[in-house]
């Protein structure tokens, strides 16, 4: 396990994202779930565009 240090503003923003995502998914989630969701979205939005067609 790793601890992260966030300032109060960032914590409030990430906490709001977690609440919003739990409402949309209709299930309990934790910060680990949220961070993985954010990473997945980043990879889908950025890495897929960098792949050249034709392999």
PDB file of N, CA and C in Angstrom:
ATOM      1  N   UNK A   1       0.845  -1.174   0.000  1.00  0.00           N
ATOM      2  CA  UNK A   1       0.000   0.000   0.000  1.00  0.00           C
ATOM      3  C   UNK A   1       0.889   1.235   0.000  1.00  0.00           C
ATOM      4  N   UNK A   2       0.410   2.261  -0.682  1.00  0.00           N
ATOM      5  CA  UNK A   2       1.127   3.526  -0.788  1.00  0.00           C
ATOM      6  C   UNK A   2       0.199   4.637  -0.307  1.00  0.00           C
ATOM      7  N   UNK A   3       0.745   5.583   0.408  1.00  0.00           N
ATOM      8  CA  UNK A   3      -0.016   6.752   0.846  1.00  0.00           C
ATOM      9  C   UNK A   3       0.247   7.914  -0.100  1.00  0.00           C
ATOM     10  N   UNK A   4      -0.794   8.653  -0.405  1.00  0.00           N
ATOM     11  CA  UNK A   4      -0.677   9.853  -1.219  1.00  0.00           C
ATOM     12  C   UNK A   4      -1.005  11.069  -0.366  1.00  0.00           C
ATOM     13  N   UNK A   5      -0.318  12.145  -0.626  1.00  0.00           N
ATOM     14  CA  UNK A   5      -0.600  13.397   0.067  1.00  0.00           C
ATOM     15  C   UNK A   5      -1.233  14.347  -0.944  1.00  0.00           C
ATOM     16  N   UNK A   6      -2.446  14.798  -0.619  1.00  0.00           N
ATOM     17  CA  UNK A   6      -3.177  15.711  -1.494  1.00  0.00           C
ATOM     18  C   UNK A   6      -3.499  16.976  -0.718  1.00  0.00           C
ATOM     19  N   UNK A   7      -3.502  18.098  -1.423  1.00  0.00           N
ATOM     20  CA  UNK A   7      -3.955  19.305  -0.739  1.00  0.00           C
ATOM     21  C   UNK A   7      -5.475  19.250  -0.628  1.00  0.00           C
ATOM     22  N   UNK A   8      -6.033  20.110   0.191  1.00  0.00           N
ATOM     23  CA  UNK A   8      -7.466  20.075   0.489  1.00  0.00           C
ATOM     24  C   UNK A   8      -8.322  20.256  -0.764  1.00  0.00           C
ATOM     25  N   UNK A   9      -7.930  21.153  -1.647  1.00  0.00           N
ATOM     26  CA  UNK A   9      -8.681  21.407  -2.875  1.00  0.00           C
ATOM     27  C   UNK A   9      -8.728  20.163  -3.755  1.00  0.00           C
ATOM     28  N   UNK A  10      -7.580  19.509  -3.945  1.00  0.00           N
ATOM     29  CA  UNK A  10      -7.519  18.301  -4.766  1.00  0.00           C
ATOM     30  C   UNK A  10      -8.330  17.183  -4.129  1.00  0.00           C
ATOM     31  N   UNK A  11      -8.240  17.045  -2.812  1.00  0.00           N
ATOM     32  CA  UNK A  11      -9.018  16.019  -2.125  1.00  0.00           C
ATOM     33  C   UNK A  11     -10.515  16.233  -2.333  1.00  0.00           C
ATOM     34  N   UNK A  12     -10.983  17.470  -2.224  1.00  0.00           N
ATOM     35  CA  UNK A  12     -12.399  17.743  -2.433  1.00  0.00           C
ATOM     36  C   UNK A  12     -12.825  17.401  -3.858  1.00  0.00           C
ATOM     37  N   UNK A  13     -11.969  17.711  -4.818  1.00  0.00           N
ATOM     38  CA  UNK A  13     -12.294  17.404  -6.219  1.00  0.00           C
ATOM     39  C   UNK A  13     -12.365  15.900  -6.449  1.00  0.00           C
ATOM     40  N   UNK A  14     -11.390  15.162  -5.942  1.00  0.00           N
ATOM     41  CA  UNK A  14     -11.366  13.715  -6.166  1.00  0.00           C
ATOM     42  C   UNK A  14     -12.490  13.038  -5.389  1.00  0.00           C
ATOM     43  N   UNK A  15     -12.824  13.567  -4.228  1.00  0.00           N
ATOM     44  CA  UNK A  15     -13.932  13.028  -3.458  1.00  0.00           C
ATOM     45  C   UNK A  15     -15.255  13.249  -4.193  1.00  0.00           C
ATOM     46  N   UNK A  16     -15.417  14.393  -4.825  1.00  0.00           N
ATOM     47  CA  UNK A  16     -16.617  14.666  -5.616  1.00  0.00           C
ATOM     48  C   UNK A  16     -16.703  13.715  -6.809  1.00  0.00           C
ATOM     49  N   UNK A  17     -15.565  13.446  -7.450  1.00  0.00           N
ATOM     50  CA  UNK A  17     -15.550  12.493  -8.561  1.00  0.00           C
ATOM     51  C   UNK A  17     -15.966  11.105  -8.087  1.00  0.00           C
ATOM     52  N   UNK A  18     -15.454  10.701  -6.943  1.00  0.00           N
ATOM     53  CA  UNK A  18     -15.806   9.384  -6.401  1.00  0.00           C
ATOM     54  C   UNK A  18     -17.304   9.304  -6.133  1.00  0.00           C
ATOM     55  N   UNK A  19     -17.868  10.315  -5.522  1.00  0.00           N
ATOM     56  CA  UNK A  19     -19.308  10.324  -5.250  1.00  0.00           C
ATOM     57  C   UNK A  19     -20.115  10.263  -6.541  1.00  0.00           C
ATOM     58  N   UNK A  20     -19.695  11.030  -7.540  1.00  0.00           N
ATOM     59  CA  UNK A  20     -20.384  11.050  -8.826  1.00  0.00           C
ATOM     60  C   UNK A  20     -20.319   9.679  -9.505  1.00  0.00           C
ATOM     61  N   UNK A  21     -19.155   9.057  -9.476  1.00  0.00           N
ATOM     62  CA  UNK A  21     -18.997   7.758 -10.115  1.00  0.00           C
ATOM     63  C   UNK A  21     -19.817   6.688  -9.396  1.00  0.00           C
ATOM     64  N   UNK A  22     -19.856   6.743  -8.067  1.00  0.00           N
ATOM     65  CA  UNK A  22     -20.676   5.778  -7.324  1.00  0.00           C
ATOM     66  C   UNK A  22     -22.148   5.948  -7.666  1.00  0.00           C
ATOM     67  N   UNK A  23     -22.598   7.197  -7.826  1.00  0.00           N
ATOM     68  CA  UNK A  23     -23.991   7.436  -8.218  1.00  0.00           C
ATOM     69  C   UNK A  23     -24.275   6.860  -9.597  1.00  0.00           C
ATOM     70  N   UNK A  24     -23.355   7.055 -10.528  1.00  0.00           N
ATOM     71  CA  UNK A  24     -23.554   6.567 -11.896  1.00  0.00           C
ATOM     72  C   UNK A  24     -23.476   5.054 -11.990  1.00  0.00           C
ATOM     73  N   UNK A  25     -22.571   4.433 -11.228  1.00  0.00           N
ATOM     74  CA  UNK A  25     -22.381   2.974 -11.269  1.00  0.00           C
ATOM     75  C   UNK A  25     -23.362   2.240 -10.351  1.00  0.00           C
ATOM     76  N   UNK A  26     -24.010   2.985  -9.458  1.00  0.00           N
ATOM     77  CA  UNK A  26     -24.958   2.408  -8.498  1.00  0.00           C
ATOM     78  C   UNK A  26     -24.304   1.308  -7.655  1.00  0.00           C
ATOM     79  N   UNK A  27     -23.044   1.572  -7.238  1.00  0.00           N
ATOM     80  CA  UNK A  27     -22.350   0.633  -6.351  1.00  0.00           C
ATOM     81  C   UNK A  27     -21.289   1.383  -5.563  1.00  0.00           C
ATOM     82  N   UNK A  28     -20.899   0.794  -4.443  1.00  0.00           N
ATOM     83  CA  UNK A  28     -19.845   1.392  -3.635  1.00  0.00           C
ATOM     84  C   UNK A  28     -18.496   1.227  -4.320  1.00  0.00           C
ATOM     85  N   UNK A  29     -17.692   2.246  -4.258  1.00  0.00           N
ATOM     86  CA  UNK A  29     -16.354   2.224  -4.830  1.00  0.00           C
ATOM     87  C   UNK A  29     -15.422   2.896  -3.842  1.00  0.00           C
ATOM     88  N   UNK A  30     -14.119   2.638  -4.000  1.00  0.00           N
ATOM     89  CA  UNK A  30     -13.145   3.315  -3.152  1.00  0.00           C
ATOM     90  C   UNK A  30     -12.205   4.129  -4.033  1.00  0.00           C
ATOM     91  N   UNK A  31     -11.253   4.790  -3.392  1.00  0.00           N
ATOM     92  CA  UNK A  31     -10.334   5.650  -4.144  1.00  0.00           C
ATOM     93  C   UNK A  31      -9.497   4.852  -5.135  1.00  0.00           C
ATOM     94  N   UNK A  32      -9.168   3.625  -4.791  1.00  0.00           N
ATOM     95  CA  UNK A  32      -8.414   2.774  -5.713  1.00  0.00           C
ATOM     96  C   UNK A  32      -9.210   2.534  -6.999  1.00  0.00           C
ATOM     97  N   UNK A  33     -10.504   2.241  -6.845  1.00  0.00           N
ATOM     98  CA  UNK A  33     -11.379   2.064  -8.010  1.00  0.00           C
ATOM     99  C   UNK A  33     -11.420   3.330  -8.862  1.00  0.00           C
ATOM    100  N   UNK A  34     -11.518   4.466  -8.200  1.00  0.00           N
ATOM    101  CA  UNK A  34     -11.580   5.739  -8.917  1.00  0.00           C
ATOM    102  C   UNK A  34     -10.300   6.003  -9.695  1.00  0.00           C
ATOM    103  N   UNK A  35      -9.163   5.810  -9.066  1.00  0.00           N
ATOM    104  CA  UNK A  35      -7.887   6.056  -9.746  1.00  0.00           C
ATOM    105  C   UNK A  35      -7.753   5.127 -10.949  1.00  0.00           C
ATOM    106  N   UNK A  36      -8.130   3.866 -10.802  1.00  0.00           N
ATOM    107  CA  UNK A  36      -8.055   2.950 -11.938  1.00  0.00           C
ATOM    108  C   UNK A  36      -9.008   3.346 -13.051  1.00  0.00           C
ATOM    109  N   UNK A  37     -10.180   3.838 -12.696  1.00  0.00           N
ATOM    110  CA  UNK A  37     -11.126   4.328 -13.703  1.00  0.00           C
ATOM    111  C   UNK A  37     -10.539   5.529 -14.463  1.00  0.00           C
ATOM    112  N   UNK A  38      -9.919   6.444 -13.732  1.00  0.00           N
ATOM    113  CA  UNK A  38      -9.299   7.606 -14.365  1.00  0.00           C
ATOM    114  C   UNK A  38      -8.155   7.184 -15.290  1.00  0.00           C
ATOM    115  N   UNK A  39      -7.348   6.223 -14.858  1.00  0.00           N
ATOM    116  CA  UNK A  39      -6.244   5.723 -15.692  1.00  0.00           C
ATOM    117  C   UNK A  39      -6.805   5.063 -16.946  1.00  0.00           C
ATOM    118  N   UNK A  40      -7.827   4.223 -16.789  1.00  0.00           N
ATOM    119  CA  UNK A  40      -8.440   3.565 -17.953  1.00  0.00           C
ATOM    120  C   UNK A  40      -8.957   4.581 -18.954  1.00  0.00           C
ATOM    121  N   UNK A  41      -9.644   5.611 -18.466  1.00  0.00           N
ATOM    122  CA  UNK A  41     -10.168   6.645 -19.362  1.00  0.00           C
ATOM    123  C   UNK A  41      -9.047   7.398 -20.057  1.00  0.00           C
ATOM    124  N   UNK A  42      -7.998   7.711 -19.333  1.00  0.00           N
ATOM    125  CA  UNK A  42      -6.857   8.398 -19.933  1.00  0.00           C
ATOM    126  C   UNK A  42      -6.253   7.547 -21.044  1.00  0.00           C
ATOM    127  N   UNK A  43      -6.042   6.274 -20.765  1.00  0.00           N
ATOM    128  CA  UNK A  43      -5.431   5.396 -21.761  1.00  0.00           C
ATOM    129  C   UNK A  43      -6.318   5.256 -22.990  1.00  0.00           C
ATOM    130  N   UNK A  44      -7.619   5.106 -22.789  1.00  0.00           N
ATOM    131  CA  UNK A  44      -8.526   4.990 -23.927  1.00  0.00           C
ATOM    132  C   UNK A  44      -8.533   6.250 -24.773  1.00  0.00           C
ATOM    133  N   UNK A  45      -8.514   7.406 -24.131  1.00  0.00           N
ATOM    134  CA  UNK A  45      -8.611   8.672 -24.847  1.00  0.00           C
ATOM    135  C   UNK A  45      -7.305   9.105 -25.476  1.00  0.00           C
ATOM    136  N   UNK A  46      -6.185   8.636 -24.969  1.00  0.00           N
ATOM    137  CA  UNK A  46      -4.898   9.111 -25.471  1.00  0.00           C
ATOM    138  C   UNK A  46      -4.112   8.043 -26.201  1.00  0.00           C
ATOM    139  N   UNK A  47      -4.043   6.852 -25.673  1.00  0.00           N
ATOM    140  CA  UNK A  47      -3.192   5.839 -26.268  1.00  0.00           C
ATOM    141  C   UNK A  47      -3.799   5.258 -27.531  1.00  0.00           C
ATOM    142  N   UNK A  48      -5.124   5.126 -27.601  1.00  0.00           N
ATOM    143  CA  UNK A  48      -5.744   4.588 -28.788  1.00  0.00           C
ATOM    144  C   UNK A  48      -5.511   5.470 -30.011  1.00  0.00           C
ATOM    145  N   UNK A  49      -5.380   6.768 -29.798  1.00  0.00           N
ATOM    146  CA  UNK A  49      -5.155   7.703 -30.894  1.00  0.00           C
ATOM    147  C   UNK A  49      -3.729   7.645 -31.409  1.00  0.00           C
ATOM    148  N   UNK A  50      -2.806   7.132 -30.599  1.00  0.00           N
ATOM    149  CA  UNK A  50      -1.396   7.081 -30.991  1.00  0.00           C
ATOM    150  C   UNK A  50      -1.052   5.827 -31.799  1.00  0.00           C
ATOM    151  N   UNK A  51      -1.966   4.848 -31.859  1.00  0.00           N
ATOM    152  CA  UNK A  51      -1.700   3.617 -32.577  1.00  0.00           C
ATOM    153  C   UNK A  51      -1.890   3.875 -34.067  1.00  0.00           C
ATOM    154  N   UNK A  52      -0.876   3.503 -34.837  1.00  0.00           N
ATOM    155  CA  UNK A  52      -0.957   3.683 -36.281  1.00  0.00           C
ATOM    156  C   UNK A  52      -1.775   2.553 -36.902  1.00  0.00           C
ATOM    157  N   UNK A  53      -2.589   2.880 -37.916  1.00  0.00           N
ATOM    158  CA  UNK A  53      -3.372   1.856 -38.582  1.00  0.00           C
ATOM    159  C   UNK A  53      -2.465   0.955 -39.394  1.00  0.00           C
ATOM    160  N   UNK A  54      -2.868  -0.281 -39.546  1.00  0.00           N
ATOM    161  CA  UNK A  54      -2.085  -1.241 -40.312  1.00  0.00           C
ATOM    162  C   UNK A  54      -1.050  -1.973 -39.495  1.00  0.00           C
ATOM    163  N   UNK A  55      -0.988  -1.710 -38.178  1.00  0.00           N
ATOM    164  CA  UNK A  55      -0.169  -2.454 -37.243  1.00  0.00           C
ATOM    165  C   UNK A  55       1.259  -2.241 -37.380  1.00  0.00           C
TER     166      UNK A  55
END
